[in-house]
PDB file of all heavy atoms in Angstrom:
ATOM      1  N   ASN A   1      12.252  -4.960 -20.507  1.00  0.00           N
ATOM      2  CA  ASN A   1      13.312  -3.952 -20.549  1.00  0.00           C
ATOM      3  C   ASN A   1      13.335  -3.103 -19.279  1.00  0.00           C
ATOM      4  O   ASN A   1      14.406  -2.685 -18.830  1.00  0.00           O
ATOM      5  CB  ASN A   1      13.124  -3.047 -21.772  1.00  0.00           C
ATOM      6  CG  ASN A   1      13.631  -3.680 -23.055  1.00  0.00           C
ATOM      7  OD1 ASN A   1      14.832  -3.762 -23.299  1.00  0.00           O
ATOM      8  ND2 ASN A   1      12.705  -4.154 -23.870  1.00  0.00           N
ATOM      9  N   HIS A   2      12.172  -2.865 -18.702  1.00  0.00           N
ATOM     10  CA  HIS A   2      12.133  -2.094 -17.458  1.00  0.00           C
ATOM     11  C   HIS A   2      12.829  -2.854 -16.328  1.00  0.00           C
ATOM     12  O   HIS A   2      13.586  -2.262 -15.549  1.00  0.00           O
ATOM     13  CB  HIS A   2      10.677  -1.805 -17.088  1.00  0.00           C
ATOM     14  CG  HIS A   2      10.526  -1.026 -15.816  1.00  0.00           C
ATOM     15  ND1 HIS A   2      11.129   0.191 -15.608  1.00  0.00           N
ATOM     16  CD2 HIS A   2       9.843  -1.316 -14.657  1.00  0.00           C
ATOM     17  CE1 HIS A   2      10.830   0.634 -14.397  1.00  0.00           C
ATOM     18  NE2 HIS A   2      10.048  -0.259 -13.802  1.00  0.00           N
ATOM     19  N   LEU A   3      12.602  -4.143 -16.246  1.00  0.00           N
ATOM     20  CA  LEU A   3      13.247  -4.938 -15.198  1.00  0.00           C
ATOM     21  C   LEU A   3      14.749  -5.072 -15.442  1.00  0.00           C
ATOM     22  O   LEU A   3      15.512  -5.258 -14.488  1.00  0.00           O
ATOM     23  CB  LEU A   3      12.594  -6.324 -15.125  1.00  0.00           C
ATOM     24  CG  LEU A   3      11.114  -6.343 -14.707  1.00  0.00           C
ATOM     25  CD1 LEU A   3      10.564  -7.765 -14.768  1.00  0.00           C
ATOM     26  CD2 LEU A   3      10.948  -5.761 -13.311  1.00  0.00           C
ATOM     27  N   ASP A   4      15.172  -4.989 -16.713  1.00  0.00           N
ATOM     28  CA  ASP A   4      16.602  -5.072 -17.020  1.00  0.00           C
ATOM     29  C   ASP A   4      17.325  -3.738 -16.814  1.00  0.00           C
ATOM     30  O   ASP A   4      18.565  -3.700 -16.803  1.00  0.00           O
ATOM     31  CB  ASP A   4      16.803  -5.513 -18.481  1.00  0.00           C
ATOM     32  CG  ASP A   4      16.392  -6.960 -18.700  1.00  0.00           C
ATOM     33  OD1 ASP A   4      16.290  -7.705 -17.695  1.00  0.00           O
ATOM     34  OD2 ASP A   4      16.155  -7.342 -19.857  1.00  0.00           O
ATOM     35  N   THR A   5      16.570  -2.657 -16.659  1.00  0.00           N
ATOM     36  CA  THR A   5      17.185  -1.338 -16.511  1.00  0.00           C
ATOM     37  C   THR A   5      17.802  -1.182 -15.126  1.00  0.00           C
ATOM     38  O   THR A   5      17.163  -1.516 -14.124  1.00  0.00           O
ATOM     39  CB  THR A   5      16.127  -0.238 -16.725  1.00  0.00           C
ATOM     40  OG1 THR A   5      15.541  -0.401 -18.019  1.00  0.00           O
ATOM     41  CG2 THR A   5      16.758   1.138 -16.620  1.00  0.00           C
ATOM     42  N   PRO A   6      19.027  -0.691 -15.040  1.00  0.00           N
ATOM     43  CA  PRO A   6      19.602  -0.409 -13.712  1.00  0.00           C
ATOM     44  C   PRO A   6      18.739   0.619 -12.981  1.00  0.00           C
ATOM     45  O   PRO A   6      18.438   1.682 -13.528  1.00  0.00           O
ATOM     46  CB  PRO A   6      20.986   0.158 -14.048  1.00  0.00           C
ATOM     47  CG  PRO A   6      21.293  -0.329 -15.424  1.00  0.00           C
ATOM     48  CD  PRO A   6      19.992  -0.399 -16.130  1.00  0.00           C
ATOM     49  N   MET A   7      18.320   0.310 -11.763  1.00  0.00           N
ATOM     50  CA  MET A   7      17.472   1.208 -10.991  1.00  0.00           C
ATOM     51  C   MET A   7      17.789   1.063  -9.515  1.00  0.00           C
ATOM     52  O   MET A   7      18.379   0.058  -9.081  1.00  0.00           O
ATOM     53  CB  MET A   7      15.991   0.910 -11.271  1.00  0.00           C
ATOM     54  CG  MET A   7      15.533  -0.481 -10.866  1.00  0.00           C
ATOM     55  SD  MET A   7      13.786  -0.809 -11.261  1.00  0.00           S
ATOM     56  CE  MET A   7      13.863  -1.057 -13.024  1.00  0.00           C
ATOM     57  N   ASP A   8      17.415   2.072  -8.743  1.00  0.00           N
ATOM     58  CA  ASP A   8      17.695   2.036  -7.315  1.00  0.00           C
ATOM     59  C   ASP A   8      16.726   1.078  -6.623  1.00  0.00           C
ATOM     60  O   ASP A   8      15.707   0.673  -7.196  1.00  0.00           O
ATOM     61  CB  ASP A   8      17.609   3.436  -6.715  1.00  0.00           C
ATOM     62  CG  ASP A   8      16.270   4.096  -6.948  1.00  0.00           C
ATOM     63  OD1 ASP A   8      15.229   3.418  -6.802  1.00  0.00           O
ATOM     64  OD2 ASP A   8      16.240   5.286  -7.297  1.00  0.00           O
ATOM     65  N   PRO A   9      17.018   0.688  -5.376  1.00  0.00           N
ATOM     66  CA  PRO A   9      16.177  -0.309  -4.675  1.00  0.00           C
ATOM     67  C   PRO A   9      14.716   0.107  -4.557  1.00  0.00           C
ATOM     68  O   PRO A   9      13.829  -0.755  -4.628  1.00  0.00           O
ATOM     69  CB  PRO A   9      16.848  -0.419  -3.305  1.00  0.00           C
ATOM     70  CG  PRO A   9      18.268  -0.025  -3.548  1.00  0.00           C
ATOM     71  CD  PRO A   9      18.228   1.024  -4.610  1.00  0.00           C
ATOM     72  N   GLN A  10      14.440   1.382  -4.390  1.00  0.00           N
ATOM     73  CA  GLN A  10      13.049   1.790  -4.258  1.00  0.00           C
ATOM     74  C   GLN A  10      12.278   1.555  -5.553  1.00  0.00           C
ATOM     75  O   GLN A  10      11.145   1.043  -5.532  1.00  0.00           O
ATOM     76  CB  GLN A  10      12.972   3.270  -3.871  1.00  0.00           C
ATOM     77  CG  GLN A  10      11.552   3.732  -3.561  1.00  0.00           C
ATOM     78  CD  GLN A  10      11.483   5.200  -3.196  1.00  0.00           C
ATOM     79  OE1 GLN A  10      12.380   5.965  -3.543  1.00  0.00           O
ATOM     80  NE2 GLN A  10      10.434   5.601  -2.493  1.00  0.00           N
ATOM     81  N   CYS A  11      12.866   1.910  -6.675  1.00  0.00           N
ATOM     82  CA  CYS A  11      12.215   1.641  -7.961  1.00  0.00           C
ATOM     83  C   CYS A  11      12.043   0.149  -8.183  1.00  0.00           C
ATOM     84  O   CYS A  11      11.007  -0.301  -8.699  1.00  0.00           O
ATOM     85  CB  CYS A  11      13.030   2.255  -9.100  1.00  0.00           C
ATOM     86  SG  CYS A  11      13.113   4.058  -9.092  1.00  0.00           S
ATOM     87  N   ARG A  12      13.051  -0.614  -7.785  1.00  0.00           N
ATOM     88  CA  ARG A  12      12.962  -2.064  -7.929  1.00  0.00           C
ATOM     89  C   ARG A  12      11.813  -2.624  -7.105  1.00  0.00           C
ATOM     90  O   ARG A  12      11.108  -3.553  -7.543  1.00  0.00           O
ATOM     91  CB  ARG A  12      14.287  -2.692  -7.501  1.00  0.00           C
ATOM     92  CG  ARG A  12      14.363  -4.197  -7.648  1.00  0.00           C
ATOM     93  CD  ARG A  12      14.487  -4.621  -9.087  1.00  0.00           C
ATOM     94  NE  ARG A  12      15.694  -4.099  -9.705  1.00  0.00           N
ATOM     95  CZ  ARG A  12      15.984  -4.274 -10.998  1.00  0.00           C
ATOM     96  NH1 ARG A  12      15.146  -4.924 -11.787  1.00  0.00           N
ATOM     97  NH2 ARG A  12      17.084  -3.767 -11.509  1.00  0.00           N
ATOM     98  N   SER A  13      11.585  -2.087  -5.924  1.00  0.00           N
ATOM     99  CA  SER A  13      10.507  -2.585  -5.075  1.00  0.00           C
ATOM    100  C   SER A  13       9.134  -2.273  -5.647  1.00  0.00           C
ATOM    101  O   SER A  13       8.159  -2.982  -5.363  1.00  0.00           O
ATOM    102  CB  SER A  13      10.632  -1.980  -3.675  1.00  0.00           C
ATOM    103  OG  SER A  13      10.431  -0.571  -3.718  1.00  0.00           O
ATOM    104  N   TYR A  14       9.032  -1.213  -6.443  1.00  0.00           N
ATOM    105  CA  TYR A  14       7.753  -0.848  -7.027  1.00  0.00           C
ATOM    106  C   TYR A  14       7.529  -1.492  -8.393  1.00  0.00           C
ATOM    107  O   TYR A  14       6.428  -1.367  -8.961  1.00  0.00           O
ATOM    108  CB  TYR A  14       7.663   0.666  -7.195  1.00  0.00           C
ATOM    109  CG  TYR A  14       7.331   1.410  -5.929  1.00  0.00           C
ATOM    110  CD1 TYR A  14       8.227   2.324  -5.383  1.00  0.00           C
ATOM    111  CD2 TYR A  14       6.124   1.201  -5.275  1.00  0.00           C
ATOM    112  CE1 TYR A  14       7.929   3.014  -4.227  1.00  0.00           C
ATOM    113  CE2 TYR A  14       5.820   1.884  -4.112  1.00  0.00           C
ATOM    114  CZ  TYR A  14       6.725   2.786  -3.594  1.00  0.00           C
ATOM    115  OH  TYR A  14       6.431   3.464  -2.442  1.00  0.00           O
ATOM    116  N   ALA A  15       8.511  -2.157  -8.972  1.00  0.00           N
ATOM    117  CA  ALA A  15       8.401  -2.664 -10.339  1.00  0.00           C
ATOM    118  C   ALA A  15       7.264  -3.669 -10.484  1.00  0.00           C
ATOM    119  O   ALA A  15       6.438  -3.576 -11.408  1.00  0.00           O
ATOM    120  CB  ALA A  15       9.722  -3.275 -10.786  1.00  0.00           C
ATOM    121  N   ARG A  16       7.182  -4.651  -9.588  1.00  0.00           N
ATOM    122  CA  ARG A  16       6.136  -5.668  -9.680  1.00  0.00           C
ATOM    123  C   ARG A  16       4.759  -5.075  -9.398  1.00  0.00           C
ATOM    124  O   ARG A  16       3.766  -5.445 -10.033  1.00  0.00           O
ATOM    125  CB  ARG A  16       6.429  -6.799  -8.695  1.00  0.00           C
ATOM    126  CG  ARG A  16       7.678  -7.592  -9.038  1.00  0.00           C
ATOM    127  CD  ARG A  16       7.550  -8.257 -10.401  1.00  0.00           C
ATOM    128  NE  ARG A  16       8.756  -8.982 -10.782  1.00  0.00           N
ATOM    129  CZ  ARG A  16       8.909  -9.579 -11.963  1.00  0.00           C
ATOM    130  NH1 ARG A  16       7.951  -9.507 -12.871  1.00  0.00           N
ATOM    131  NH2 ARG A  16      10.029 -10.219 -12.244  1.00  0.00           N
ATOM    132  N   LEU A  17       4.681  -4.158  -8.431  1.00  0.00           N
ATOM    133  CA  LEU A  17       3.410  -3.507  -8.148  1.00  0.00           C
ATOM    134  C   LEU A  17       2.953  -2.683  -9.348  1.00  0.00           C
ATOM    135  O   LEU A  17       1.759  -2.668  -9.694  1.00  0.00           O
ATOM    136  CB  LEU A  17       3.553  -2.624  -6.910  1.00  0.00           C
ATOM    137  CG  LEU A  17       2.305  -1.827  -6.506  1.00  0.00           C
ATOM    138  CD1 LEU A  17       1.135  -2.766  -6.219  1.00  0.00           C
ATOM    139  CD2 LEU A  17       2.608  -0.945  -5.303  1.00  0.00           C
ATOM    140  N   LEU A  18       3.883  -2.018 -10.003  1.00  0.00           N
ATOM    141  CA  LEU A  18       3.545  -1.240 -11.190  1.00  0.00           C
ATOM    142  C   LEU A  18       3.007  -2.134 -12.301  1.00  0.00           C
ATOM    143  O   LEU A  18       2.032  -1.788 -12.987  1.00  0.00           O
ATOM    144  CB  LEU A  18       4.780  -0.478 -11.675  1.00  0.00           C
ATOM    145  CG  LEU A  18       4.599   0.446 -12.879  1.00  0.00           C
ATOM    146  CD1 LEU A  18       3.611   1.549 -12.565  1.00  0.00           C
ATOM    147  CD2 LEU A  18       5.938   1.033 -13.308  1.00  0.00           C
ATOM    148  N   ASP A  19       3.585  -3.298 -12.454  1.00  0.00           N
ATOM    149  CA  ASP A  19       3.109  -4.257 -13.444  1.00  0.00           C
ATOM    150  C   ASP A  19       1.678  -4.688 -13.143  1.00  0.00           C
ATOM    151  O   ASP A  19       0.821  -4.715 -14.030  1.00  0.00           O
ATOM    152  CB  ASP A  19       4.046  -5.469 -13.457  1.00  0.00           C
ATOM    153  CG  ASP A  19       3.556  -6.571 -14.381  1.00  0.00           C
ATOM    154  OD1 ASP A  19       2.916  -6.249 -15.409  1.00  0.00           O
ATOM    155  OD2 ASP A  19       3.795  -7.753 -14.069  1.00  0.00           O
ATOM    156  N   ALA A  20       1.397  -4.992 -11.902  1.00  0.00           N
ATOM    157  CA  ALA A  20       0.057  -5.462 -11.529  1.00  0.00           C
ATOM    158  C   ALA A  20      -0.987  -4.362 -11.700  1.00  0.00           C
ATOM    159  O   ALA A  20      -2.104  -4.612 -12.188  1.00  0.00           O
ATOM    160  CB  ALA A  20       0.071  -5.962 -10.086  1.00  0.00           C
ATOM    161  N   VAL A  21      -0.651  -3.143 -11.298  1.00  0.00           N
ATOM    162  CA  VAL A  21      -1.621  -2.047 -11.371  1.00  0.00           C
ATOM    163  C   VAL A  21      -1.951  -1.685 -12.816  1.00  0.00           C
ATOM    164  O   VAL A  21      -3.107  -1.418 -13.167  1.00  0.00           O
ATOM    165  CB  VAL A  21      -1.087  -0.821 -10.608  1.00  0.00           C
ATOM    166  CG1 VAL A  21      -1.935   0.403 -10.903  1.00  0.00           C
ATOM    167  CG2 VAL A  21      -1.057  -1.093  -9.118  1.00  0.00           C
ATOM    168  N   THR A  22      -0.952  -1.683 -13.686  1.00  0.00           N
ATOM    169  CA  THR A  22      -1.187  -1.260 -15.073  1.00  0.00           C
ATOM    170  C   THR A  22      -1.845  -2.335 -15.926  1.00  0.00           C
ATOM    171  O   THR A  22      -2.300  -2.044 -17.041  1.00  0.00           O
ATOM    172  CB  THR A  22       0.148  -0.861 -15.731  1.00  0.00           C
ATOM    173  OG1 THR A  22       1.089  -1.948 -15.597  1.00  0.00           O
ATOM    174  CG2 THR A  22       0.714   0.390 -15.074  1.00  0.00           C
ATOM    175  N   ARG A  23      -1.930  -3.568 -15.436  1.00  0.00           N
ATOM    176  CA  ARG A  23      -2.591  -4.625 -16.205  1.00  0.00           C
ATOM    177  C   ARG A  23      -4.103  -4.464 -16.189  1.00  0.00           C
ATOM    178  O   ARG A  23      -4.780  -4.836 -17.147  1.00  0.00           O
ATOM    179  CB  ARG A  23      -2.220  -6.000 -15.653  1.00  0.00           C
ATOM    180  CG  ARG A  23      -0.854  -6.475 -16.067  1.00  0.00           C
ATOM    181  CD  ARG A  23      -0.583  -7.900 -15.611  1.00  0.00           C
ATOM    182  NE  ARG A  23       0.765  -8.301 -15.936  1.00  0.00           N
ATOM    183  CZ  ARG A  23       1.133  -8.804 -17.101  1.00  0.00           C
ATOM    184  NH1 ARG A  23       0.228  -8.952 -18.068  1.00  0.00           N
ATOM    185  NH2 ARG A  23       2.385  -9.137 -17.337  1.00  0.00           N
ATOM    186  N   SER A  24      -4.646  -3.948 -15.113  1.00  0.00           N
ATOM    187  CA  SER A  24      -6.092  -3.863 -14.967  1.00  0.00           C
ATOM    188  C   SER A  24      -6.569  -2.448 -15.285  1.00  0.00           C
ATOM    189  O   SER A  24      -6.006  -1.469 -14.779  1.00  0.00           O
ATOM    190  CB  SER A  24      -6.501  -4.236 -13.540  1.00  0.00           C
ATOM    191  OG  SER A  24      -7.877  -3.996 -13.343  1.00  0.00           O
ATOM    192  N   PRO A  25      -7.645  -2.316 -16.087  1.00  0.00           N
ATOM    193  CA  PRO A  25      -8.159  -0.971 -16.383  1.00  0.00           C
ATOM    194  C   PRO A  25      -8.908  -0.330 -15.224  1.00  0.00           C
ATOM    195  O   PRO A  25      -9.195   0.866 -15.257  1.00  0.00           O
ATOM    196  CB  PRO A  25      -9.087  -1.212 -17.577  1.00  0.00           C
ATOM    197  CG  PRO A  25      -9.500  -2.637 -17.454  1.00  0.00           C
ATOM    198  CD  PRO A  25      -8.345  -3.365 -16.849  1.00  0.00           C
ATOM    199  N   VAL A  26      -9.259  -1.128 -14.196  1.00  0.00           N
ATOM    200  CA  VAL A  26     -10.059  -0.585 -13.090  1.00  0.00           C
ATOM    201  C   VAL A  26      -9.292  -0.551 -11.781  1.00  0.00           C
ATOM    202  O   VAL A  26      -9.824  -0.100 -10.771  1.00  0.00           O
ATOM    203  CB  VAL A  26     -11.348  -1.416 -12.910  1.00  0.00           C
ATOM    204  CG1 VAL A  26     -12.228  -1.289 -14.143  1.00  0.00           C
ATOM    205  CG2 VAL A  26     -11.032  -2.878 -12.635  1.00  0.00           C
ATOM    206  N   ALA A  27      -8.052  -1.026 -11.783  1.00  0.00           N
ATOM    207  CA  ALA A  27      -7.285  -1.071 -10.534  1.00  0.00           C
ATOM    208  C   ALA A  27      -6.885   0.334 -10.113  1.00  0.00           C
ATOM    209  O   ALA A  27      -6.481   1.159 -10.940  1.00  0.00           O
ATOM    210  CB  ALA A  27      -6.053  -1.950 -10.706  1.00  0.00           C
ATOM    211  N   ASP A  28      -7.016   0.619  -8.825  1.00  0.00           N
ATOM    212  CA  ASP A  28      -6.594   1.904  -8.275  1.00  0.00           C
ATOM    213  C   ASP A  28      -5.102   1.879  -7.982  1.00  0.00           C
ATOM    214  O   ASP A  28      -4.554   0.860  -7.542  1.00  0.00           O
ATOM    215  CB  ASP A  28      -7.366   2.215  -6.991  1.00  0.00           C
ATOM    216  CG  ASP A  28      -8.852   2.437  -7.265  1.00  0.00           C
ATOM    217  OD1 ASP A  28      -9.171   2.899  -8.378  1.00  0.00           O
ATOM    218  OD2 ASP A  28      -9.665   2.137  -6.374  1.00  0.00           O
ATOM    219  N   THR A  29      -4.457   3.003  -8.219  1.00  0.00           N
ATOM    220  CA  THR A  29      -3.032   3.115  -7.930  1.00  0.00           C
ATOM    221  C   THR A  29      -2.844   3.454  -6.451  1.00  0.00           C
ATOM    222  O   THR A  29      -3.412   4.448  -5.976  1.00  0.00           O
ATOM    223  CB  THR A  29      -2.392   4.212  -8.791  1.00  0.00           C
ATOM    224  OG1 THR A  29      -2.647   3.933 -10.168  1.00  0.00           O
ATOM    225  CG2 THR A  29      -0.894   4.277  -8.554  1.00  0.00           C
ATOM    226  N   PRO A  30      -2.119   2.633  -5.710  1.00  0.00           N
ATOM    227  CA  PRO A  30      -1.880   2.942  -4.291  1.00  0.00           C
ATOM    228  C   PRO A  30      -1.240   4.314  -4.129  1.00  0.00           C
ATOM    229  O   PRO A  30      -0.523   4.798  -5.005  1.00  0.00           O
ATOM    230  CB  PRO A  30      -0.944   1.817  -3.842  1.00  0.00           C
ATOM    231  CG  PRO A  30      -1.176   0.709  -4.813  1.00  0.00           C
ATOM    232  CD  PRO A  30      -1.498   1.364  -6.117  1.00  0.00           C
ATOM    233  N   ASP A  31      -1.500   4.941  -2.990  1.00  0.00           N
ATOM    234  CA  ASP A  31      -1.011   6.301  -2.756  1.00  0.00           C
ATOM    235  C   ASP A  31       0.506   6.385  -2.798  1.00  0.00           C
ATOM    236  O   ASP A  31       1.066   7.333  -3.352  1.00  0.00           O
ATOM    237  CB  ASP A  31      -1.528   6.815  -1.404  1.00  0.00           C
ATOM    238  CG  ASP A  31      -3.038   7.028  -1.433  1.00  0.00           C
ATOM    239  OD1 ASP A  31      -3.599   7.130  -2.540  1.00  0.00           O
ATOM    240  OD2 ASP A  31      -3.639   7.079  -0.344  1.00  0.00           O
ATOM    241  N   ASP A  32       1.175   5.382  -2.185  1.00  0.00           N
ATOM    242  CA  ASP A  32       2.633   5.451  -2.170  1.00  0.00           C
ATOM    243  C   ASP A  32       3.209   5.302  -3.576  1.00  0.00           C
ATOM    244  O   ASP A  32       4.169   5.991  -3.952  1.00  0.00           O
ATOM    245  CB  ASP A  32       3.211   4.394  -1.237  1.00  0.00           C
ATOM    246  CG  ASP A  32       2.754   2.988  -1.608  1.00  0.00           C
ATOM    247  OD1 ASP A  32       1.720   2.867  -2.318  1.00  0.00           O
ATOM    248  OD2 ASP A  32       3.405   2.008  -1.205  1.00  0.00           O
ATOM    249  N   LEU A  33       2.615   4.442  -4.406  1.00  0.00           N
ATOM    250  CA  LEU A  33       3.077   4.299  -5.791  1.00  0.00           C
ATOM    251  C   LEU A  33       2.780   5.574  -6.578  1.00  0.00           C
ATOM    252  O   LEU A  33       3.606   6.005  -7.402  1.00  0.00           O
ATOM    253  CB  LEU A  33       2.415   3.093  -6.448  1.00  0.00           C
ATOM    254  CG  LEU A  33       2.744   2.868  -7.934  1.00  0.00           C
ATOM    255  CD1 LEU A  33       4.238   2.680  -8.137  1.00  0.00           C
ATOM    256  CD2 LEU A  33       1.974   1.671  -8.489  1.00  0.00           C
ATOM    257  N   SER A  34       1.625   6.171  -6.340  1.00  0.00           N
ATOM    258  CA  SER A  34       1.289   7.403  -7.042  1.00  0.00           C
ATOM    259  C   SER A  34       2.291   8.507  -6.715  1.00  0.00           C
ATOM    260  O   SER A  34       2.731   9.241  -7.622  1.00  0.00           O
ATOM    261  CB  SER A  34      -0.129   7.843  -6.654  1.00  0.00           C
ATOM    262  OG  SER A  34      -0.475   9.041  -7.294  1.00  0.00           O
ATOM    263  N   ARG A  35       2.669   8.625  -5.439  1.00  0.00           N
ATOM    264  CA  ARG A  35       3.657   9.645  -5.070  1.00  0.00           C
ATOM    265  C   ARG A  35       5.013   9.338  -5.694  1.00  0.00           C
ATOM    266  O   ARG A  35       5.736  10.242  -6.124  1.00  0.00           O
ATOM    267  CB  ARG A  35       3.773   9.719  -3.549  1.00  0.00           C
ATOM    268  CG  ARG A  35       2.572  10.367  -2.868  1.00  0.00           C
ATOM    269  CD  ARG A  35       2.880  10.651  -1.415  1.00  0.00           C
ATOM    270  NE  ARG A  35       3.086   9.421  -0.663  1.00  0.00           N
ATOM    271  CZ  ARG A  35       2.109   8.756  -0.044  1.00  0.00           C
ATOM    272  NH1 ARG A  35       0.862   9.203  -0.078  1.00  0.00           N
ATOM    273  NH2 ARG A  35       2.372   7.636   0.622  1.00  0.00           N
ATOM    274  N   HIS A  36       5.359   8.052  -5.795  1.00  0.00           N
ATOM    275  CA  HIS A  36       6.641   7.679  -6.398  1.00  0.00           C
ATOM    276  C   HIS A  36       6.655   8.019  -7.893  1.00  0.00           C
ATOM    277  O   HIS A  36       7.658   8.529  -8.408  1.00  0.00           O
ATOM    278  CB  HIS A  36       6.899   6.191  -6.198  1.00  0.00           C
ATOM    279  CG  HIS A  36       8.157   5.711  -6.848  1.00  0.00           C
ATOM    280  ND1 HIS A  36       9.419   6.011  -6.372  1.00  0.00           N
ATOM    281  CD2 HIS A  36       8.348   4.945  -7.974  1.00  0.00           C
ATOM    282  CE1 HIS A  36      10.341   5.469  -7.151  1.00  0.00           C
ATOM    283  NE2 HIS A  36       9.707   4.813  -8.140  1.00  0.00           N
ATOM    284  N   LEU A  37       5.545   7.761  -8.583  1.00  0.00           N
ATOM    285  CA  LEU A  37       5.481   8.063 -10.015  1.00  0.00           C
ATOM    286  C   LEU A  37       5.552   9.561 -10.277  1.00  0.00           C
ATOM    287  O   LEU A  37       6.012  10.001 -11.336  1.00  0.00           O
ATOM    288  CB  LEU A  37       4.195   7.491 -10.617  1.00  0.00           C
ATOM    289  CG  LEU A  37       4.069   5.963 -10.643  1.00  0.00           C
ATOM    290  CD1 LEU A  37       2.723   5.544 -11.224  1.00  0.00           C
ATOM    291  CD2 LEU A  37       5.197   5.335 -11.443  1.00  0.00           C
ATOM    292  N   ALA A  38       5.091  10.354  -9.317  1.00  0.00           N
ATOM    293  CA  ALA A  38       5.164  11.807  -9.482  1.00  0.00           C
ATOM    294  C   ALA A  38       6.589  12.324  -9.370  1.00  0.00           C
ATOM    295  O   ALA A  38       6.900  13.409  -9.884  1.00  0.00           O
ATOM    296  CB  ALA A  38       4.279  12.488  -8.441  1.00  0.00           C
ATOM    297  N   ARG A  39       7.465  11.554  -8.713  1.00  0.00           N
ATOM    298  CA  ARG A  39       8.848  12.009  -8.509  1.00  0.00           C
ATOM    299  C   ARG A  39       9.848  11.318  -9.441  1.00  0.00           C
ATOM    300  O   ARG A  39      10.878  11.891  -9.759  1.00  0.00           O
ATOM    301  CB  ARG A  39       9.274  11.754  -7.056  1.00  0.00           C
ATOM    302  CG  ARG A  39       8.495  12.538  -6.018  1.00  0.00           C
ATOM    303  CD  ARG A  39       9.141  12.403  -4.642  1.00  0.00           C
ATOM    304  NE  ARG A  39       9.262  11.021  -4.223  1.00  0.00           N
ATOM    305  CZ  ARG A  39       8.356  10.369  -3.486  1.00  0.00           C
ATOM    306  NH1 ARG A  39       7.266  11.023  -3.088  1.00  0.00           N
ATOM    307  NH2 ARG A  39       8.519   9.126  -3.142  1.00  0.00           N
ATOM    308  N   CYS A  40       9.559  10.108  -9.867  1.00  0.00           N
ATOM    309  CA  CYS A  40      10.523   9.295 -10.631  1.00  0.00           C
ATOM    310  C   CYS A  40      10.142   9.290 -12.107  1.00  0.00           C
ATOM    311  O   CYS A  40       9.118   8.713 -12.495  1.00  0.00           O
ATOM    312  CB  CYS A  40      10.559   7.868 -10.086  1.00  0.00           C
ATOM    313  SG  CYS A  40      11.727   6.803 -10.955  1.00  0.00           S
ATOM    314  N   VAL A  41      10.942   9.932 -12.933  1.00  0.00           N
ATOM    315  CA  VAL A  41      10.664   9.995 -14.362  1.00  0.00           C
ATOM    316  C   VAL A  41      10.766   8.620 -15.004  1.00  0.00           C
ATOM    317  O   VAL A  41       9.959   8.255 -15.867  1.00  0.00           O
ATOM    318  CB  VAL A  41      11.641  10.980 -15.042  1.00  0.00           C
ATOM    319  CG1 VAL A  41      11.440  10.989 -16.549  1.00  0.00           C
ATOM    320  CG2 VAL A  41      11.467  12.381 -14.474  1.00  0.00           C
ATOM    321  N   GLN A  42      11.726   7.831 -14.583  1.00  0.00           N
ATOM    322  CA  GLN A  42      11.945   6.516 -15.170  1.00  0.00           C
ATOM    323  C   GLN A  42      10.735   5.609 -14.955  1.00  0.00           C
ATOM    324  O   GLN A  42      10.262   4.951 -15.887  1.00  0.00           O
ATOM    325  CB  GLN A  42      13.196   5.883 -14.558  1.00  0.00           C
ATOM    326  CG  GLN A  42      13.558   4.530 -15.141  1.00  0.00           C
ATOM    327  CD  GLN A  42      14.852   3.990 -14.548  1.00  0.00           C
ATOM    328  OE1 GLN A  42      15.571   4.695 -13.851  1.00  0.00           O
ATOM    329  NE2 GLN A  42      15.143   2.743 -14.829  1.00  0.00           N
ATOM    330  N   CYS A  43      10.208   5.563 -13.735  1.00  0.00           N
ATOM    331  CA  CYS A  43       9.048   4.714 -13.454  1.00  0.00           C
ATOM    332  C   CYS A  43       7.776   5.270 -14.094  1.00  0.00           C
ATOM    333  O   CYS A  43       6.898   4.503 -14.516  1.00  0.00           O
ATOM    334  CB  CYS A  43       8.864   4.566 -11.948  1.00  0.00           C
ATOM    335  SG  CYS A  43      10.171   3.602 -11.145  1.00  0.00           S
ATOM    336  N   ALA A  44       7.640   6.592 -14.157  1.00  0.00           N
ATOM    337  CA  ALA A  44       6.479   7.182 -14.827  1.00  0.00           C
ATOM    338  C   ALA A  44       6.481   6.844 -16.315  1.00  0.00           C
ATOM    339  O   ALA A  44       5.425   6.568 -16.911  1.00  0.00           O
ATOM    340  CB  ALA A  44       6.482   8.692 -14.633  1.00  0.00           C
TER     341      ALA A  44
END
């Protein structure tokens, strides 16, 4: 459903990275993704 949601290009570029990071319990969130999640309610 997240991939089907209309979103801007920046959110679209982070969608696959967000999937990979949230699959692993020990994976660190990259700084740029962390800053994006702090600003984007939809991706958070």
